[in-house]
Amino acid sequence: MLEAYFAELETAIRDFPYTVSYSSHKKFYNAEQGFIKGTILLQDESILEFVEVRGSAGKLKYR
C-alpha cells in the first residue's frame, strides 16, 4: 500500500513537465508507515526539497 503510494508520487514528479531531475530516499517502518524525502531540480534551476511522513491514518507530516 505505502510502496504503491510512493511509486505514484515519484511518477508524478518524474512526469511533471518542468522537472529536470530528482532524487529521493524512502524508508519503510512497516506496510503502512514510512517516509519519503527528496530533491527536485526544475527547469528554471530552482530546487524543491520535500519530506512526507505517512502512517496508517494517512499523511502525518509534510514539508
PDB file of N, CA and C in Angstrom:
ATOM      1  N   MET A   1       0.826  -1.187   0.000  1.00  0.00           N
ATOM      2  CA  MET A   1       0.000   0.000   0.000  1.00  0.00           C
ATOM      3  C   MET A   1       0.881   1.266   0.000  1.00  0.00           C
ATOM      4  N   LEU A   2       1.789   1.372   0.948  1.00  0.00           N
ATOM      5  CA  LEU A   2       2.653   2.539   1.035  1.00  0.00           C
ATOM      6  C   LEU A   2       3.641   2.581  -0.130  1.00  0.00           C
ATOM      7  N   GLU A   3       4.172   1.431  -0.502  1.00  0.00           N
ATOM      8  CA  GLU A   3       5.102   1.391  -1.640  1.00  0.00           C
ATOM      9  C   GLU A   3       4.430   1.884  -2.907  1.00  0.00           C
ATOM     10  N   ALA A   4       3.177   1.499  -3.113  1.00  0.00           N
ATOM     11  CA  ALA A   4       2.436   1.939  -4.300  1.00  0.00           C
ATOM     12  C   ALA A   4       2.209   3.447  -4.269  1.00  0.00           C
ATOM     13  N   TYR A   5       1.899   3.992  -3.100  1.00  0.00           N
ATOM     14  CA  TYR A   5       1.695   5.437  -2.969  1.00  0.00           C
ATOM     15  C   TYR A   5       2.981   6.184  -3.310  1.00  0.00           C
ATOM     16  N   PHE A   6       4.115   5.748  -2.754  1.00  0.00           N
ATOM     17  CA  PHE A   6       5.385   6.407  -3.038  1.00  0.00           C
ATOM     18  C   PHE A   6       5.755   6.275  -4.512  1.00  0.00           C
ATOM     19  N   ALA A   7       5.478   5.143  -5.117  1.00  0.00           N
ATOM     20  CA  ALA A   7       5.745   4.963  -6.548  1.00  0.00           C
ATOM     21  C   ALA A   7       4.900   5.926  -7.380  1.00  0.00           C
ATOM     22  N   GLU A   8       3.648   6.111  -6.991  1.00  0.00           N
ATOM     23  CA  GLU A   8       2.761   7.043  -7.690  1.00  0.00           C
ATOM     24  C   GLU A   8       3.277   8.482  -7.542  1.00  0.00           C
ATOM     25  N   LEU A   9       3.745   8.821  -6.364  1.00  0.00           N
ATOM     26  CA  LEU A   9       4.307  10.151  -6.124  1.00  0.00           C
ATOM     27  C   LEU A   9       5.543  10.380  -6.990  1.00  0.00           C
ATOM     28  N   GLU A  10       6.432   9.398  -7.063  1.00  0.00           N
ATOM     29  CA  GLU A  10       7.630   9.532  -7.889  1.00  0.00           C
ATOM     30  C   GLU A  10       7.287   9.630  -9.378  1.00  0.00           C
ATOM     31  N   THR A  11       6.273   8.930  -9.810  1.00  0.00           N
ATOM     32  CA  THR A  11       5.831   9.021 -11.209  1.00  0.00           C
ATOM     33  C   THR A  11       5.327  10.427 -11.504  1.00  0.00           C
ATOM     34  N   ALA A  12       4.563  11.000 -10.590  1.00  0.00           N
ATOM     35  CA  ALA A  12       4.055  12.364 -10.777  1.00  0.00           C
ATOM     36  C   ALA A  12       5.201  13.367 -10.849  1.00  0.00           C
ATOM     37  N   ILE A  13       6.205  13.198 -10.014  1.00  0.00           N
ATOM     38  CA  ILE A  13       7.373  14.089 -10.031  1.00  0.00           C
ATOM     39  C   ILE A  13       8.120  13.936 -11.354  1.00  0.00           C
ATOM     40  N   ARG A  14       8.385  12.702 -11.742  1.00  0.00           N
ATOM     41  CA  ARG A  14       9.136  12.438 -12.978  1.00  0.00           C
ATOM     42  C   ARG A  14       8.398  12.970 -14.204  1.00  0.00           C
ATOM     43  N   ASP A  15       7.070  12.829 -14.242  1.00  0.00           N
ATOM     44  CA  ASP A  15       6.284  13.222 -15.407  1.00  0.00           C
ATOM     45  C   ASP A  15       5.907  14.700 -15.428  1.00  0.00           C
ATOM     46  N   PHE A  16       6.179  15.430 -14.343  1.00  0.00           N
ATOM     47  CA  PHE A  16       5.881  16.859 -14.307  1.00  0.00           C
ATOM     48  C   PHE A  16       6.725  17.544 -15.375  1.00  0.00           C
ATOM     49  N   PRO A  17       6.121  18.352 -16.242  1.00  0.00           N
ATOM     50  CA  PRO A  17       6.855  18.882 -17.396  1.00  0.00           C
ATOM     51  C   PRO A  17       8.061  19.756 -17.059  1.00  0.00           C
ATOM     52  N   TYR A  18       8.127  20.335 -15.883  1.00  0.00           N
ATOM     53  CA  TYR A  18       9.232  21.227 -15.537  1.00  0.00           C
ATOM     54  C   TYR A  18      10.330  20.542 -14.732  1.00  0.00           C
ATOM     55  N   THR A  19      10.190  19.248 -14.479  1.00  0.00           N
ATOM     56  CA  THR A  19      11.210  18.509 -13.737  1.00  0.00           C
ATOM     57  C   THR A  19      12.391  18.188 -14.649  1.00  0.00           C
ATOM     58  N   VAL A  20      13.577  18.607 -14.222  1.00  0.00           N
ATOM     59  CA  VAL A  20      14.810  18.274 -14.939  1.00  0.00           C
ATOM     60  C   VAL A  20      15.367  16.975 -14.373  1.00  0.00           C
ATOM     61  N   SER A  21      15.448  16.892 -13.046  1.00  0.00           N
ATOM     62  CA  SER A  21      15.917  15.678 -12.389  1.00  0.00           C
ATOM     63  C   SER A  21      15.393  15.655 -10.962  1.00  0.00           C
ATOM     64  N   TYR A  22      15.479  14.495 -10.355  1.00  0.00           N
ATOM     65  CA  TYR A  22      15.079  14.390  -8.959  1.00  0.00           C
ATOM     66  C   TYR A  22      15.811  13.216  -8.321  1.00  0.00           C
ATOM     67  N   SER A  23      15.907  13.287  -7.009  1.00  0.00           N
ATOM     68  CA  SER A  23      16.422  12.161  -6.240  1.00  0.00           C
ATOM     69  C   SER A  23      15.524  12.010  -5.024  1.00  0.00           C
ATOM     70  N   SER A  24      15.392  10.780  -4.563  1.00  0.00           N
ATOM     71  CA  SER A  24      14.531  10.549  -3.403  1.00  0.00           C
ATOM     72  C   SER A  24      15.100   9.410  -2.564  1.00  0.00           C
ATOM     73  N   HIS A  25      14.683   9.404  -1.325  1.00  0.00           N
ATOM     74  CA  HIS A  25      15.059   8.363  -0.375  1.00  0.00           C
ATOM     75  C   HIS A  25      13.792   7.965   0.370  1.00  0.00           C
ATOM     76  N   LYS A  26      13.552   6.671   0.461  1.00  0.00           N
ATOM     77  CA  LYS A  26      12.368   6.160   1.156  1.00  0.00           C
ATOM     78  C   LYS A  26      12.797   5.269   2.302  1.00  0.00           C
ATOM     79  N   LYS A  27      12.022   5.314   3.380  1.00  0.00           N
ATOM     80  CA  LYS A  27      12.243   4.406   4.489  1.00  0.00           C
ATOM     81  C   LYS A  27      10.884   3.858   4.903  1.00  0.00           C
ATOM     82  N   PHE A  28      10.805   2.538   5.016  1.00  0.00           N
ATOM     83  CA  PHE A  28       9.564   1.874   5.397  1.00  0.00           C
ATOM     84  C   PHE A  28       9.730   1.277   6.791  1.00  0.00           C
ATOM     85  N   TYR A  29       8.814   1.638   7.680  1.00  0.00           N
ATOM     86  CA  TYR A  29       8.821   1.048   9.022  1.00  0.00           C
ATOM     87  C   TYR A  29       7.988  -0.231   9.041  1.00  0.00           C
ATOM     88  N   ASN A  30       6.911  -0.227   8.262  1.00  0.00           N
ATOM     89  CA  ASN A  30       6.074  -1.406   8.025  1.00  0.00           C
ATOM     90  C   ASN A  30       5.249  -1.119   6.774  1.00  0.00           C
ATOM     91  N   ALA A  31       4.236  -1.908   6.499  1.00  0.00           N
ATOM     92  CA  ALA A  31       3.468  -1.754   5.259  1.00  0.00           C
ATOM     93  C   ALA A  31       2.682  -0.448   5.198  1.00  0.00           C
ATOM     94  N   GLU A  32       2.433   0.191   6.349  1.00  0.00           N
ATOM     95  CA  GLU A  32       1.608   1.395   6.373  1.00  0.00           C
ATOM     96  C   GLU A  32       2.333   2.631   6.897  1.00  0.00           C
ATOM     97  N   GLN A  33       3.553   2.498   7.369  1.00  0.00           N
ATOM     98  CA  GLN A  33       4.259   3.633   7.953  1.00  0.00           C
ATOM     99  C   GLN A  33       5.648   3.782   7.332  1.00  0.00           C
ATOM    100  N   GLY A  34       5.982   5.027   7.023  1.00  0.00           N
ATOM    101  CA  GLY A  34       7.288   5.307   6.464  1.00  0.00           C
ATOM    102  C   GLY A  34       7.384   6.751   6.037  1.00  0.00           C
ATOM    103  N   PHE A  35       8.481   7.081   5.365  1.00  0.00           N
ATOM    104  CA  PHE A  35       8.620   8.440   4.863  1.00  0.00           C
ATOM    105  C   PHE A  35       9.370   8.430   3.538  1.00  0.00           C
ATOM    106  N   ILE A  36       9.184   9.526   2.822  1.00  0.00           N
ATOM    107  CA  ILE A  36       9.907   9.766   1.579  1.00  0.00           C
ATOM    108  C   ILE A  36      10.427  11.196   1.643  1.00  0.00           C
ATOM    109  N   LYS A  37      11.653  11.383   1.210  1.00  0.00           N
ATOM    110  CA  LYS A  37      12.215  12.725   1.132  1.00  0.00           C
ATOM    111  C   LYS A  37      13.006  12.809  -0.159  1.00  0.00           C
ATOM    112  N   GLY A  38      13.151  14.020  -0.648  1.00  0.00           N
ATOM    113  CA  GLY A  38      13.891  14.152  -1.886  1.00  0.00           C
ATOM    114  C   GLY A  38      14.120  15.580  -2.298  1.00  0.00           C
ATOM    115  N   THR A  39      14.756  15.709  -3.451  1.00  0.00           N
ATOM    116  CA  THR A  39      15.088  16.995  -4.041  1.00  0.00           C
ATOM    117  C   THR A  39      14.692  16.948  -5.514  1.00  0.00           C
ATOM    118  N   ILE A  40      14.056  18.021  -5.957  1.00  0.00           N
ATOM    119  CA  ILE A  40      13.634  18.130  -7.356  1.00  0.00           C
ATOM    120  C   ILE A  40      14.309  19.356  -7.957  1.00  0.00           C
ATOM    121  N   LEU A  41      14.991  19.181  -9.082  1.00  0.00           N
ATOM    122  CA  LEU A  41      15.574  20.288  -9.827  1.00  0.00           C
ATOM    123  C   LEU A  41      14.614  20.641 -10.954  1.00  0.00           C
ATOM    124  N   LEU A  42      14.200  21.908 -10.993  1.00  0.00           N
ATOM    125  CA  LEU A  42      13.243  22.366 -12.002  1.00  0.00           C
ATOM    126  C   LEU A  42      13.964  23.099 -13.130  1.00  0.00           C
ATOM    127  N   GLN A  43      13.261  23.307 -14.246  1.00  0.00           N
ATOM    128  CA  GLN A  43      13.864  23.913 -15.438  1.00  0.00           C
ATOM    129  C   GLN A  43      14.445  25.292 -15.185  1.00  0.00           C
ATOM    130  N   ASP A  44      13.857  26.060 -14.282  1.00  0.00           N
ATOM    131  CA  ASP A  44      14.369  27.409 -14.017  1.00  0.00           C
ATOM    132  C   ASP A  44      15.520  27.390 -13.006  1.00  0.00           C
ATOM    133  N   GLU A  45      16.075  26.197 -12.760  1.00  0.00           N
ATOM    134  CA  GLU A  45      17.197  25.947 -11.864  1.00  0.00           C
ATOM    135  C   GLU A  45      16.850  26.117 -10.383  1.00  0.00           C
ATOM    136  N   SER A  46      15.560  26.206 -10.065  1.00  0.00           N
ATOM    137  CA  SER A  46      15.170  26.228  -8.660  1.00  0.00           C
ATOM    138  C   SER A  46      15.144  24.791  -8.142  1.00  0.00           C
ATOM    139  N   ILE A  47      15.300  24.664  -6.835  1.00  0.00           N
ATOM    140  CA  ILE A  47      15.358  23.359  -6.196  1.00  0.00           C
ATOM    141  C   ILE A  47      14.238  23.276  -5.167  1.00  0.00           C
ATOM    142  N   LEU A  48      13.501  22.209  -5.208  1.00  0.00           N
ATOM    143  CA  LEU A  48      12.427  21.953  -4.255  1.00  0.00           C
ATOM    144  C   LEU A  48      12.811  20.733  -3.427  1.00  0.00           C
ATOM    145  N   GLU A  49      12.887  20.905  -2.121  1.00  0.00           N
ATOM    146  CA  GLU A  49      13.147  19.788  -1.220  1.00  0.00           C
ATOM    147  C   GLU A  49      11.842  19.430  -0.538  1.00  0.00           C
ATOM    148  N   PHE A  50      11.590  18.143  -0.354  1.00  0.00           N
ATOM    149  CA  PHE A  50      10.330  17.727   0.244  1.00  0.00           C
ATOM    150  C   PHE A  50      10.540  16.553   1.184  1.00  0.00           C
ATOM    151  N   VAL A  51       9.634  16.427   2.136  1.00  0.00           N
ATOM    152  CA  VAL A  51       9.571  15.297   3.062  1.00  0.00           C
ATOM    153  C   VAL A  51       8.103  15.018   3.320  1.00  0.00           C
ATOM    154  N   GLU A  52       7.733  13.762   3.304  1.00  0.00           N
ATOM    155  CA  GLU A  52       6.378  13.372   3.680  1.00  0.00           C
ATOM    156  C   GLU A  52       6.458  12.139   4.565  1.00  0.00           C
ATOM    157  N   VAL A  53       5.829  12.217   5.720  1.00  0.00           N
ATOM    158  CA  VAL A  53       5.763  11.100   6.654  1.00  0.00           C
ATOM    159  C   VAL A  53       4.342  10.552   6.591  1.00  0.00           C
ATOM    160  N   ARG A  54       4.231   9.256   6.348  1.00  0.00           N
ATOM    161  CA  ARG A  54       2.918   8.616   6.234  1.00  0.00           C
ATOM    162  C   ARG A  54       2.755   7.592   7.353  1.00  0.00           C
ATOM    163  N   GLY A  55       1.516   7.492   7.831  1.00  0.00           N
ATOM    164  CA  GLY A  55       1.173   6.496   8.833  1.00  0.00           C
ATOM    165  C   GLY A  55      -0.107   5.803   8.437  1.00  0.00           C
ATOM    166  N   SER A  56      -0.608   4.965   9.299  1.00  0.00           N
ATOM    167  CA  SER A  56      -1.824   4.201   8.984  1.00  0.00           C
ATOM    168  C   SER A  56      -3.026   5.121   8.821  1.00  0.00           C
ATOM    169  N   ALA A  57      -2.979   6.335   9.388  1.00  0.00           N
ATOM    170  CA  ALA A  57      -4.083   7.276   9.271  1.00  0.00           C
ATOM    171  C   ALA A  57      -3.889   8.238   8.097  1.00  0.00           C
ATOM    172  N   GLY A  58      -2.867   8.036   7.297  1.00  0.00           N
ATOM    173  CA  GLY A  58      -2.607   8.925   6.160  1.00  0.00           C
ATOM    174  C   GLY A  58      -1.398   9.785   6.412  1.00  0.00           C
ATOM    175  N   LYS A  59      -1.434  11.004   5.863  1.00  0.00           N
ATOM    176  CA  LYS A  59      -0.322  11.932   5.991  1.00  0.00           C
ATOM    177  C   LYS A  59      -0.187  12.371   7.440  1.00  0.00           C
ATOM    178  N   LEU A  60       0.968  12.184   8.028  1.00  0.00           N
ATOM    179  CA  LEU A  60       1.203  12.633   9.386  1.00  0.00           C
ATOM    180  C   LEU A  60       1.909  13.985   9.409  1.00  0.00           C
ATOM    181  N   LYS A  61       2.827  14.164   8.467  1.00  0.00           N
ATOM    182  CA  LYS A  61       3.621  15.383   8.456  1.00  0.00           C
ATOM    183  C   LYS A  61       4.212  15.546   7.061  1.00  0.00           C
ATOM    184  N   TYR A  62       4.328  16.774   6.612  1.00  0.00           N
ATOM    185  CA  TYR A  62       4.981  17.032   5.346  1.00  0.00           C
ATOM    186  C   TYR A  62       5.565  18.433   5.362  1.00  0.00           C
ATOM    187  N   ARG A  63       6.559  18.623   4.528  1.00  0.00           N
ATOM    188  CA  ARG A  63       7.132  19.967   4.336  1.00  0.00           C
ATOM    189  C   ARG A  63       7.722  20.036   2.953  1.00  0.00           C
TER     190      ARG A  63
END
